[in-house]
Amino acid sequence: MMRRGVIRGLDLILATVGGVLLLPVFLGVLLAGFAETGSPLFRQRRVGRHEKTFTLVKFRTMHPGTPSVATHLADQAAVTRLGAFLRRTKLDELPQLWNVVKGDMSLVGPRPCLLEQRELIDARAARGVFRHRPGITGLAQIHGVDMSDPGKLAEWDARMLASLSIPAYFRYIMQTMTGAGRGDRIHSRE
C-alpha cells in the first residue's frame, strides 16, 4: 500500500497542474451553467476522513431546488441538459480538484457519502475506510458499483485501499478519464 504522504504529494501536484490546464474548460462550463440555471456550482456536505464533514463542490447537474439525496435516489427529470452532458463526461467532478488541493479529498479514494447515508457510513467504518481521504474516483467507480448497495460499495472501497499502489493510483485516474465505469448514476424508475 502507498504511504499517505506519497498520495498527498501526487494529489497536490496533479490537482494543481490539472486545475491550471483545465481552467479554460472550467470557465466554459461555469459560464454555460450560469446561463442554464443561474447557479453553476453545487455544494453539499459530505462525510470525509475520520468521519469529519466537509463541503464538496461540483458543477450543478440538476435544477436548483432539487432535493439533496443520493444520486441513485434522484429524479431523472431533475437533470438539466448541460447536467446530462457533464455527468456523462464526468466534467461535473472538475471543481473537486479544489477539494483535493484543500486536503478534504484525494484524486483516488472512496466516493464521499452523504451524512444521512448511515448504512454506508457504518459499513465503511467497520472496514476502516474512513482512515483515508475520500476520492474523486476509485475501484468501485470504474466498475460501476454505486451507493445503492452500501455493503458492496464499502467492500470494494476497503479492497482498493488495502492494495493501493502508485500504478493502481494512476490506472484508476486514467480509466476514469477514458470513460471506464459509470460511477454514481441515477437509476431509472419503471
N, C-alpha and C. Protein backbone atom coordinates (compact mmCIF):
# COMPACT_ATOMS: atom_id res chain seq x y z
N MET A 1 0.84 -1.20 0.00
CA MET A 1 0.00 0.00 0.00
C MET A 1 0.88 1.25 0.00
N MET A 2 0.43 2.28 -0.68
CA MET A 2 1.18 3.53 -0.76
C MET A 2 1.11 4.28 0.58
N ARG A 3 2.17 4.96 0.89
CA ARG A 3 2.17 5.82 2.08
C ARG A 3 1.30 7.05 1.81
N ARG A 4 0.63 7.51 2.86
CA ARG A 4 -0.27 8.65 2.70
C ARG A 4 0.46 9.90 2.21
N GLY A 5 1.71 10.10 2.63
CA GLY A 5 2.47 11.27 2.20
C GLY A 5 2.72 11.27 0.69
N VAL A 6 2.95 10.07 0.13
CA VAL A 6 3.16 9.94 -1.31
C VAL A 6 1.87 10.29 -2.05
N ILE A 7 0.76 9.75 -1.56
CA ILE A 7 -0.54 10.03 -2.17
C ILE A 7 -0.84 11.53 -2.11
N ARG A 8 -0.61 12.13 -0.95
CA ARG A 8 -0.90 13.55 -0.79
C ARG A 8 -0.04 14.39 -1.73
N GLY A 9 1.23 14.03 -1.87
CA GLY A 9 2.11 14.75 -2.79
C GLY A 9 1.64 14.64 -4.23
N LEU A 10 1.27 13.42 -4.64
CA LEU A 10 0.76 13.22 -6.01
C LEU A 10 -0.53 13.99 -6.21
N ASP A 11 -1.41 13.95 -5.21
CA ASP A 11 -2.67 14.69 -5.28
C ASP A 11 -2.44 16.18 -5.50
N LEU A 12 -1.55 16.76 -4.71
CA LEU A 12 -1.29 18.20 -4.82
C LEU A 12 -0.73 18.57 -6.18
N ILE A 13 0.24 17.80 -6.65
CA ILE A 13 0.85 18.10 -7.94
C ILE A 13 -0.17 17.95 -9.07
N LEU A 14 -0.85 16.80 -9.11
CA LEU A 14 -1.77 16.52 -10.21
C LEU A 14 -3.00 17.44 -10.18
N ALA A 15 -3.53 17.71 -8.99
CA ALA A 15 -4.71 18.58 -8.90
C ALA A 15 -4.36 20.01 -9.29
N THR A 16 -3.20 20.48 -8.89
CA THR A 16 -2.79 21.84 -9.24
C THR A 16 -2.53 21.97 -10.74
N VAL A 17 -1.74 21.04 -11.28
CA VAL A 17 -1.45 21.07 -12.71
C VAL A 17 -2.74 20.88 -13.52
N GLY A 18 -3.56 19.91 -13.10
CA GLY A 18 -4.83 19.67 -13.79
C GLY A 18 -5.74 20.88 -13.74
N GLY A 19 -5.79 21.53 -12.59
CA GLY A 19 -6.62 22.72 -12.45
C GLY A 19 -6.19 23.84 -13.37
N VAL A 20 -4.88 24.03 -13.49
CA VAL A 20 -4.35 25.08 -14.38
C VAL A 20 -4.63 24.73 -15.85
N LEU A 21 -4.33 23.49 -16.23
CA LEU A 21 -4.53 23.08 -17.62
C LEU A 21 -6.01 23.07 -18.02
N LEU A 22 -6.86 22.74 -17.07
CA LEU A 22 -8.29 22.63 -17.38
C LEU A 22 -9.06 23.92 -17.07
N LEU A 23 -8.36 24.98 -16.73
CA LEU A 23 -9.02 26.25 -16.41
C LEU A 23 -9.94 26.73 -17.54
N PRO A 24 -9.54 26.65 -18.82
CA PRO A 24 -10.48 27.08 -19.88
C PRO A 24 -11.76 26.23 -19.90
N VAL A 25 -11.63 24.93 -19.67
CA VAL A 25 -12.81 24.06 -19.61
C VAL A 25 -13.68 24.46 -18.42
N PHE A 26 -13.04 24.66 -17.28
CA PHE A 26 -13.75 25.06 -16.07
C PHE A 26 -14.55 26.34 -16.32
N LEU A 27 -13.90 27.33 -16.90
CA LEU A 27 -14.57 28.61 -17.15
C LEU A 27 -15.71 28.45 -18.16
N GLY A 28 -15.50 27.63 -19.19
CA GLY A 28 -16.56 27.38 -20.18
C GLY A 28 -17.78 26.73 -19.55
N VAL A 29 -17.55 25.71 -18.72
CA VAL A 29 -18.67 25.02 -18.06
C VAL A 29 -19.34 25.96 -17.06
N LEU A 30 -18.55 26.75 -16.37
CA LEU A 30 -19.09 27.72 -15.41
C LEU A 30 -20.04 28.70 -16.10
N LEU A 31 -19.61 29.23 -17.24
CA LEU A 31 -20.46 30.17 -17.99
C LEU A 31 -21.72 29.49 -18.54
N ALA A 32 -21.55 28.27 -19.09
CA ALA A 32 -22.71 27.53 -19.61
C ALA A 32 -23.69 27.21 -18.49
N GLY A 33 -23.16 26.82 -17.34
CA GLY A 33 -24.01 26.51 -16.19
C GLY A 33 -24.74 27.73 -15.68
N PHE A 34 -24.05 28.86 -15.68
CA PHE A 34 -24.69 30.11 -15.24
C PHE A 34 -25.82 30.48 -16.20
N ALA A 35 -25.59 30.30 -17.49
CA ALA A 35 -26.62 30.61 -18.49
C ALA A 35 -27.82 29.67 -18.35
N GLU A 36 -27.57 28.41 -18.00
CA GLU A 36 -28.67 27.44 -17.93
C GLU A 36 -29.47 27.54 -16.64
N THR A 37 -28.79 27.64 -15.49
CA THR A 37 -29.50 27.59 -14.22
C THR A 37 -29.32 28.83 -13.35
N GLY A 38 -28.35 29.68 -13.70
CA GLY A 38 -28.06 30.85 -12.87
C GLY A 38 -27.24 30.50 -11.64
N SER A 39 -26.96 29.22 -11.46
CA SER A 39 -26.22 28.76 -10.29
C SER A 39 -25.37 27.55 -10.69
N PRO A 40 -24.21 27.77 -11.29
CA PRO A 40 -23.44 26.67 -11.89
C PRO A 40 -22.74 25.73 -10.92
N LEU A 41 -22.50 26.17 -9.69
CA LEU A 41 -21.82 25.31 -8.73
C LEU A 41 -22.79 24.75 -7.71
N PHE A 42 -22.50 23.55 -7.25
CA PHE A 42 -23.32 22.85 -6.29
C PHE A 42 -22.43 22.49 -5.11
N ARG A 43 -22.89 22.80 -3.92
CA ARG A 43 -22.14 22.48 -2.70
C ARG A 43 -22.98 21.56 -1.84
N GLN A 44 -22.31 20.57 -1.26
CA GLN A 44 -23.04 19.59 -0.45
C GLN A 44 -22.14 19.07 0.66
N ARG A 45 -22.69 18.94 1.85
CA ARG A 45 -21.93 18.40 2.98
C ARG A 45 -21.76 16.89 2.76
N ARG A 46 -20.53 16.42 2.94
CA ARG A 46 -20.21 15.00 2.77
C ARG A 46 -19.38 14.53 3.95
N VAL A 47 -19.29 13.21 4.09
CA VAL A 47 -18.50 12.59 5.15
C VAL A 47 -17.11 12.30 4.61
N GLY A 48 -16.10 12.81 5.31
CA GLY A 48 -14.73 12.64 4.86
C GLY A 48 -13.90 11.78 5.78
N ARG A 49 -12.60 12.01 5.74
CA ARG A 49 -11.65 11.25 6.54
C ARG A 49 -11.98 11.39 8.02
N HIS A 50 -11.86 10.31 8.76
CA HIS A 50 -12.18 10.24 10.19
C HIS A 50 -13.63 10.65 10.48
N GLU A 51 -14.48 10.49 9.47
CA GLU A 51 -15.92 10.82 9.56
C GLU A 51 -16.19 12.29 9.83
N LYS A 52 -15.22 13.15 9.52
CA LYS A 52 -15.44 14.58 9.64
C LYS A 52 -16.13 15.06 8.37
N THR A 53 -17.02 16.04 8.52
CA THR A 53 -17.74 16.53 7.35
C THR A 53 -16.96 17.65 6.66
N PHE A 54 -17.21 17.78 5.38
CA PHE A 54 -16.62 18.85 4.59
C PHE A 54 -17.61 19.21 3.49
N THR A 55 -17.38 20.33 2.83
CA THR A 55 -18.25 20.77 1.75
C THR A 55 -17.64 20.39 0.41
N LEU A 56 -18.30 19.49 -0.30
CA LEU A 56 -17.88 19.05 -1.62
C LEU A 56 -18.44 20.03 -2.65
N VAL A 57 -17.63 20.35 -3.65
CA VAL A 57 -18.05 21.29 -4.69
C VAL A 57 -18.06 20.56 -6.03
N LYS A 58 -19.16 20.71 -6.77
CA LYS A 58 -19.28 20.10 -8.10
C LYS A 58 -19.97 21.11 -9.01
N PHE A 59 -19.93 20.83 -10.30
CA PHE A 59 -20.78 21.60 -11.19
C PHE A 59 -22.20 21.09 -11.03
N ARG A 60 -23.14 22.01 -11.04
CA ARG A 60 -24.55 21.66 -10.89
C ARG A 60 -25.01 20.86 -12.10
N THR A 61 -25.67 19.72 -11.85
CA THR A 61 -26.21 18.91 -12.93
C THR A 61 -27.73 18.81 -12.85
N MET A 62 -28.30 19.31 -11.76
CA MET A 62 -29.75 19.27 -11.58
C MET A 62 -30.27 20.68 -11.35
N HIS A 63 -31.53 20.86 -11.60
CA HIS A 63 -32.15 22.17 -11.41
C HIS A 63 -32.02 22.61 -9.96
N PRO A 64 -31.79 23.91 -9.72
CA PRO A 64 -31.74 24.41 -8.34
C PRO A 64 -33.05 24.07 -7.62
N GLY A 65 -32.93 23.74 -6.35
CA GLY A 65 -34.10 23.39 -5.57
C GLY A 65 -34.41 21.90 -5.57
N THR A 66 -33.69 21.11 -6.36
CA THR A 66 -33.88 19.66 -6.36
C THR A 66 -33.48 19.13 -4.99
N PRO A 67 -34.29 18.24 -4.39
CA PRO A 67 -33.93 17.69 -3.08
C PRO A 67 -32.54 17.04 -3.11
N SER A 68 -31.80 17.25 -2.03
CA SER A 68 -30.45 16.71 -1.91
C SER A 68 -30.53 15.27 -1.40
N VAL A 69 -30.41 14.33 -2.33
CA VAL A 69 -30.45 12.90 -1.99
C VAL A 69 -29.30 12.19 -2.71
N ALA A 70 -29.04 10.96 -2.32
CA ALA A 70 -28.04 10.16 -3.02
C ALA A 70 -28.44 10.06 -4.49
N THR A 71 -27.45 10.05 -5.35
CA THR A 71 -27.69 10.07 -6.80
C THR A 71 -28.65 8.97 -7.25
N HIS A 72 -28.50 7.77 -6.71
CA HIS A 72 -29.35 6.66 -7.17
C HIS A 72 -30.82 6.85 -6.77
N LEU A 73 -31.09 7.82 -5.89
CA LEU A 73 -32.47 8.11 -5.48
C LEU A 73 -33.03 9.35 -6.16
N ALA A 74 -32.21 10.04 -6.93
CA ALA A 74 -32.62 11.29 -7.57
C ALA A 74 -33.58 11.03 -8.73
N ASP A 75 -34.34 12.07 -9.06
CA ASP A 75 -35.30 12.01 -10.16
C ASP A 75 -34.60 12.39 -11.46
N GLN A 76 -34.65 11.52 -12.45
CA GLN A 76 -34.01 11.75 -13.75
C GLN A 76 -34.49 13.06 -14.38
N ALA A 77 -35.73 13.43 -14.14
CA ALA A 77 -36.28 14.66 -14.73
C ALA A 77 -35.62 15.92 -14.16
N ALA A 78 -34.94 15.80 -13.03
CA ALA A 78 -34.29 16.95 -12.41
C ALA A 78 -32.98 17.31 -13.09
N VAL A 79 -32.43 16.40 -13.89
CA VAL A 79 -31.15 16.63 -14.55
C VAL A 79 -31.34 17.62 -15.71
N THR A 80 -30.49 18.63 -15.75
CA THR A 80 -30.54 19.62 -16.82
C THR A 80 -29.89 19.06 -18.09
N ARG A 81 -30.08 19.76 -19.20
CA ARG A 81 -29.44 19.32 -20.45
C ARG A 81 -27.92 19.34 -20.34
N LEU A 82 -27.40 20.45 -19.82
CA LEU A 82 -25.96 20.53 -19.59
C LEU A 82 -25.53 19.49 -18.57
N GLY A 83 -26.35 19.30 -17.54
CA GLY A 83 -26.04 18.33 -16.49
C GLY A 83 -25.87 16.92 -17.02
N ALA A 84 -26.71 16.53 -17.97
CA ALA A 84 -26.60 15.19 -18.56
C ALA A 84 -25.24 15.03 -19.25
N PHE A 85 -24.82 16.07 -19.97
CA PHE A 85 -23.51 16.04 -20.63
C PHE A 85 -22.39 15.99 -19.59
N LEU A 86 -22.49 16.81 -18.55
CA LEU A 86 -21.45 16.84 -17.52
C LEU A 86 -21.33 15.50 -16.80
N ARG A 87 -22.45 14.86 -16.52
CA ARG A 87 -22.42 13.55 -15.86
C ARG A 87 -21.79 12.50 -16.78
N ARG A 88 -22.19 12.51 -18.04
CA ARG A 88 -21.68 11.52 -19.00
C ARG A 88 -20.17 11.65 -19.18
N THR A 89 -19.67 12.88 -19.22
CA THR A 89 -18.24 13.12 -19.43
C THR A 89 -17.46 13.21 -18.12
N LYS A 90 -18.16 13.17 -17.01
CA LYS A 90 -17.58 13.29 -15.67
C LYS A 90 -16.98 14.68 -15.39
N LEU A 91 -17.31 15.65 -16.23
CA LEU A 91 -16.81 17.01 -16.01
C LEU A 91 -17.46 17.67 -14.79
N ASP A 92 -18.58 17.12 -14.31
CA ASP A 92 -19.21 17.68 -13.12
C ASP A 92 -18.29 17.57 -11.90
N GLU A 93 -17.31 16.66 -11.95
CA GLU A 93 -16.39 16.44 -10.85
C GLU A 93 -15.24 17.45 -10.82
N LEU A 94 -15.04 18.19 -11.89
CA LEU A 94 -13.88 19.08 -12.03
C LEU A 94 -13.65 20.02 -10.84
N PRO A 95 -14.69 20.67 -10.29
CA PRO A 95 -14.44 21.56 -9.15
C PRO A 95 -13.88 20.85 -7.91
N GLN A 96 -14.00 19.53 -7.85
CA GLN A 96 -13.47 18.81 -6.70
C GLN A 96 -11.94 18.83 -6.65
N LEU A 97 -11.30 19.29 -7.73
CA LEU A 97 -9.85 19.48 -7.67
C LEU A 97 -9.52 20.46 -6.54
N TRP A 98 -10.42 21.41 -6.30
CA TRP A 98 -10.24 22.34 -5.18
C TRP A 98 -10.31 21.59 -3.86
N ASN A 99 -11.24 20.65 -3.73
CA ASN A 99 -11.31 19.83 -2.51
C ASN A 99 -10.03 19.03 -2.30
N VAL A 100 -9.42 18.58 -3.41
CA VAL A 100 -8.17 17.83 -3.32
C VAL A 100 -7.05 18.74 -2.84
N VAL A 101 -6.93 19.91 -3.43
CA VAL A 101 -5.88 20.85 -3.03
C VAL A 101 -6.03 21.23 -1.56
N LYS A 102 -7.25 21.45 -1.11
CA LYS A 102 -7.51 21.81 0.29
C LYS A 102 -7.19 20.67 1.25
N GLY A 103 -7.18 19.44 0.76
CA GLY A 103 -6.91 18.30 1.63
C GLY A 103 -8.14 17.56 2.11
N ASP A 104 -9.32 17.99 1.66
CA ASP A 104 -10.56 17.28 2.02
C ASP A 104 -10.65 15.93 1.33
N MET A 105 -10.07 15.86 0.12
CA MET A 105 -10.21 14.68 -0.72
C MET A 105 -8.86 14.32 -1.35
N SER A 106 -8.86 13.14 -1.95
CA SER A 106 -7.75 12.67 -2.77
C SER A 106 -8.28 12.50 -4.19
N LEU A 107 -7.40 12.38 -5.16
CA LEU A 107 -7.88 12.05 -6.50
C LEU A 107 -8.44 10.64 -6.52
N VAL A 108 -7.81 9.72 -5.78
CA VAL A 108 -8.24 8.33 -5.73
C VAL A 108 -8.62 7.96 -4.31
N GLY A 109 -9.81 7.45 -4.16
CA GLY A 109 -10.31 7.04 -2.84
C GLY A 109 -11.79 6.73 -2.95
N PRO A 110 -12.40 6.33 -1.85
CA PRO A 110 -13.84 6.05 -1.87
C PRO A 110 -14.64 7.34 -2.05
N ARG A 111 -15.68 7.30 -2.86
CA ARG A 111 -16.51 8.49 -3.06
C ARG A 111 -17.12 8.90 -1.73
N PRO A 112 -17.07 10.20 -1.39
CA PRO A 112 -17.61 10.63 -0.10
C PRO A 112 -19.14 10.54 -0.08
N CYS A 113 -19.65 10.01 1.00
CA CYS A 113 -21.10 9.81 1.09
C CYS A 113 -21.79 10.97 1.81
N LEU A 114 -23.10 10.98 1.70
CA LEU A 114 -23.92 11.99 2.36
C LEU A 114 -24.03 11.66 3.86
N LEU A 115 -24.27 12.67 4.66
CA LEU A 115 -24.37 12.50 6.11
C LEU A 115 -25.49 11.55 6.51
N GLU A 116 -26.56 11.51 5.71
CA GLU A 116 -27.70 10.65 6.06
C GLU A 116 -27.57 9.21 5.56
N GLN A 117 -26.50 8.87 4.89
CA GLN A 117 -26.32 7.50 4.40
C GLN A 117 -25.70 6.63 5.50
N ARG A 118 -26.46 6.44 6.56
CA ARG A 118 -25.99 5.78 7.77
C ARG A 118 -25.51 4.35 7.51
N GLU A 119 -26.22 3.61 6.68
CA GLU A 119 -25.82 2.23 6.41
C GLU A 119 -24.44 2.17 5.75
N LEU A 120 -24.19 3.07 4.82
CA LEU A 120 -22.89 3.12 4.16
C LEU A 120 -21.81 3.60 5.13
N ILE A 121 -22.12 4.60 5.94
CA ILE A 121 -21.15 5.10 6.93
C ILE A 121 -20.76 3.98 7.88
N ASP A 122 -21.74 3.23 8.38
CA ASP A 122 -21.44 2.13 9.30
C ASP A 122 -20.62 1.03 8.63
N ALA A 123 -20.95 0.70 7.39
CA ALA A 123 -20.22 -0.34 6.66
C ALA A 123 -18.78 0.09 6.40
N ARG A 124 -18.58 1.33 6.06
CA ARG A 124 -17.23 1.84 5.84
C ARG A 124 -16.44 1.92 7.14
N ALA A 125 -17.09 2.37 8.20
CA ALA A 125 -16.41 2.46 9.50
C ALA A 125 -15.94 1.07 9.95
N ALA A 126 -16.78 0.07 9.76
CA ALA A 126 -16.42 -1.30 10.15
C ALA A 126 -15.22 -1.83 9.37
N ARG A 127 -14.98 -1.31 8.19
CA ARG A 127 -13.88 -1.78 7.34
C ARG A 127 -12.67 -0.84 7.34
N GLY A 128 -12.70 0.19 8.17
CA GLY A 128 -11.57 1.11 8.28
C GLY A 128 -11.40 2.06 7.11
N VAL A 129 -12.43 2.22 6.31
CA VAL A 129 -12.35 3.07 5.11
C VAL A 129 -12.14 4.54 5.49
N PHE A 130 -12.65 4.98 6.62
CA PHE A 130 -12.55 6.39 6.99
C PHE A 130 -11.17 6.80 7.49
N ARG A 131 -10.23 5.89 7.54
CA ARG A 131 -8.84 6.26 7.86
C ARG A 131 -8.20 6.98 6.68
N HIS A 132 -8.85 6.95 5.54
CA HIS A 132 -8.31 7.52 4.31
C HIS A 132 -9.19 8.67 3.81
N ARG A 133 -8.60 9.55 3.03
CA ARG A 133 -9.39 10.63 2.41
C ARG A 133 -10.31 10.03 1.36
N PRO A 134 -11.51 10.59 1.23
CA PRO A 134 -12.37 10.17 0.12
C PRO A 134 -11.77 10.66 -1.19
N GLY A 135 -12.23 10.11 -2.31
CA GLY A 135 -11.64 10.47 -3.58
C GLY A 135 -12.64 10.83 -4.65
N ILE A 136 -12.11 11.35 -5.73
CA ILE A 136 -12.92 11.67 -6.90
C ILE A 136 -13.26 10.39 -7.65
N THR A 137 -12.32 9.46 -7.68
CA THR A 137 -12.57 8.19 -8.36
C THR A 137 -11.87 7.06 -7.62
N GLY A 138 -12.23 5.84 -7.99
CA GLY A 138 -11.62 4.68 -7.37
C GLY A 138 -12.10 3.40 -8.02
N LEU A 139 -11.74 2.30 -7.42
CA LEU A 139 -12.04 0.98 -7.96
C LEU A 139 -13.54 0.78 -8.17
N ALA A 140 -14.35 1.14 -7.20
CA ALA A 140 -15.80 0.95 -7.32
C ALA A 140 -16.37 1.75 -8.49
N GLN A 141 -15.91 2.99 -8.64
CA GLN A 141 -16.45 3.85 -9.69
C GLN A 141 -16.13 3.32 -11.08
N ILE A 142 -14.93 2.83 -11.29
CA ILE A 142 -14.59 2.35 -12.63
C ILE A 142 -15.25 1.01 -12.94
N HIS A 143 -15.79 0.35 -11.90
CA HIS A 143 -16.52 -0.90 -12.13
C HIS A 143 -18.03 -0.73 -12.00
N GLY A 144 -18.49 0.52 -11.88
CA GLY A 144 -19.92 0.78 -11.87
C GLY A 144 -20.63 0.41 -10.57
N VAL A 145 -19.89 0.26 -9.47
CA VAL A 145 -20.50 -0.03 -8.17
C VAL A 145 -20.84 1.31 -7.54
N ASP A 146 -22.12 1.52 -7.22
CA ASP A 146 -22.51 2.81 -6.68
C ASP A 146 -23.06 2.69 -5.27
N MET A 147 -23.61 3.77 -4.75
CA MET A 147 -24.05 3.83 -3.36
C MET A 147 -25.39 3.14 -3.11
N SER A 148 -25.97 2.52 -4.14
CA SER A 148 -27.25 1.85 -3.94
C SER A 148 -27.08 0.53 -3.18
N ASP A 149 -25.86 0.00 -3.09
CA ASP A 149 -25.58 -1.22 -2.33
C ASP A 149 -24.45 -0.91 -1.35
N PRO A 150 -24.78 -0.36 -0.16
CA PRO A 150 -23.77 0.12 0.77
C PRO A 150 -22.73 -0.94 1.19
N GLY A 151 -23.16 -2.15 1.47
CA GLY A 151 -22.22 -3.18 1.88
C GLY A 151 -21.22 -3.53 0.79
N LYS A 152 -21.72 -3.67 -0.42
CA LYS A 152 -20.86 -3.99 -1.56
C LYS A 152 -19.89 -2.85 -1.83
N LEU A 153 -20.37 -1.62 -1.79
CA LEU A 153 -19.51 -0.46 -2.03
C LEU A 153 -18.41 -0.38 -0.98
N ALA A 154 -18.75 -0.55 0.29
CA ALA A 154 -17.76 -0.49 1.36
C ALA A 154 -16.71 -1.58 1.19
N GLU A 155 -17.13 -2.75 0.73
CA GLU A 155 -16.19 -3.85 0.49
C GLU A 155 -15.21 -3.50 -0.64
N TRP A 156 -15.72 -2.95 -1.73
CA TRP A 156 -14.86 -2.53 -2.85
C TRP A 156 -13.90 -1.43 -2.41
N ASP A 157 -14.40 -0.48 -1.61
CA ASP A 157 -13.56 0.61 -1.11
C ASP A 157 -12.41 0.06 -0.27
N ALA A 158 -12.73 -0.84 0.66
CA ALA A 158 -11.70 -1.42 1.53
C ALA A 158 -10.68 -2.21 0.72
N ARG A 159 -11.15 -2.95 -0.27
CA ARG A 159 -10.24 -3.73 -1.13
C ARG A 159 -9.29 -2.80 -1.88
N MET A 160 -9.82 -1.72 -2.42
CA MET A 160 -8.98 -0.76 -3.15
C MET A 160 -7.93 -0.16 -2.22
N LEU A 161 -8.34 0.29 -1.04
CA LEU A 161 -7.41 0.96 -0.14
C LEU A 161 -6.33 0.02 0.37
N ALA A 162 -6.66 -1.26 0.56
CA ALA A 162 -5.69 -2.24 1.05
C ALA A 162 -4.61 -2.53 0.02
N SER A 163 -4.90 -2.33 -1.24
CA SER A 163 -3.93 -2.67 -2.28
C SER A 163 -3.50 -1.48 -3.14
N LEU A 164 -3.78 -0.27 -2.68
CA LEU A 164 -3.47 0.91 -3.48
C LEU A 164 -1.96 1.07 -3.64
N SER A 165 -1.53 1.16 -4.88
CA SER A 165 -0.12 1.33 -5.22
C SER A 165 -0.02 2.49 -6.21
N ILE A 166 1.19 2.92 -6.50
CA ILE A 166 1.36 4.01 -7.47
C ILE A 166 0.79 3.61 -8.84
N PRO A 167 1.10 2.41 -9.36
CA PRO A 167 0.49 2.04 -10.66
C PRO A 167 -1.04 2.02 -10.60
N ALA A 168 -1.61 1.50 -9.50
CA ALA A 168 -3.07 1.45 -9.38
C ALA A 168 -3.66 2.86 -9.31
N TYR A 169 -3.01 3.74 -8.58
CA TYR A 169 -3.45 5.13 -8.45
C TYR A 169 -3.58 5.76 -9.84
N PHE A 170 -2.53 5.64 -10.64
CA PHE A 170 -2.57 6.21 -11.98
C PHE A 170 -3.54 5.46 -12.90
N ARG A 171 -3.67 4.16 -12.72
CA ARG A 171 -4.59 3.37 -13.54
C ARG A 171 -6.04 3.81 -13.29
N TYR A 172 -6.41 4.01 -12.03
CA TYR A 172 -7.78 4.44 -11.71
C TYR A 172 -8.07 5.81 -12.33
N ILE A 173 -7.09 6.71 -12.26
CA ILE A 173 -7.27 8.04 -12.85
C ILE A 173 -7.43 7.93 -14.36
N MET A 174 -6.55 7.18 -15.00
CA MET A 174 -6.61 7.04 -16.47
C MET A 174 -7.90 6.35 -16.91
N GLN A 175 -8.31 5.32 -16.20
CA GLN A 175 -9.55 4.62 -16.57
C GLN A 175 -10.76 5.54 -16.43
N THR A 176 -10.75 6.38 -15.42
CA THR A 176 -11.85 7.33 -15.24
C THR A 176 -11.85 8.35 -16.38
N MET A 177 -10.66 8.87 -16.71
CA MET A 177 -10.55 9.88 -17.77
C MET A 177 -10.93 9.32 -19.14
N THR A 178 -10.75 8.03 -19.33
CA THR A 178 -11.08 7.42 -20.63
C THR A 178 -12.47 6.80 -20.65
N GLY A 179 -13.25 7.04 -19.58
CA GLY A 179 -14.66 6.64 -19.60
C GLY A 179 -15.02 5.32 -18.96
N ALA A 180 -14.11 4.70 -18.21
CA ALA A 180 -14.44 3.43 -17.57
C ALA A 180 -15.49 3.63 -16.48
N GLY A 181 -16.41 2.70 -16.40
CA GLY A 181 -17.42 2.71 -15.35
C GLY A 181 -18.44 3.82 -15.51
N ARG A 182 -19.46 3.73 -14.71
CA ARG A 182 -20.49 4.76 -14.73
C ARG A 182 -20.60 5.45 -13.39
N GLY A 183 -19.93 4.90 -12.36
CA GLY A 183 -19.95 5.52 -11.05
C GLY A 183 -21.36 5.69 -10.52
N ASP A 184 -21.56 6.73 -9.71
CA ASP A 184 -22.88 7.00 -9.17
C ASP A 184 -23.80 7.46 -10.30
N ARG A 185 -24.90 6.78 -10.45
CA ARG A 185 -25.81 7.12 -11.54
C ARG A 185 -27.26 7.14 -11.04
N ILE A 186 -28.05 7.88 -11.76
CA ILE A 186 -29.47 7.95 -11.43
C ILE A 186 -30.12 6.71 -12.00
N HIS A 187 -30.78 5.97 -11.16
CA HIS A 187 -31.46 4.74 -11.62
C HIS A 187 -32.79 5.12 -12.23
N SER A 188 -33.10 4.56 -13.37
CA SER A 188 -34.39 4.86 -13.99
C SER A 188 -35.49 4.15 -13.22
N ARG A 189 -36.59 4.86 -13.07
CA ARG A 189 -37.74 4.28 -12.35
C ARG A 189 -38.73 3.74 -13.37
N GLU A 190 -39.11 2.49 -13.18
CA GLU A 190 -40.04 1.88 -14.12
C GLU A 190 -41.32 1.51 -13.45
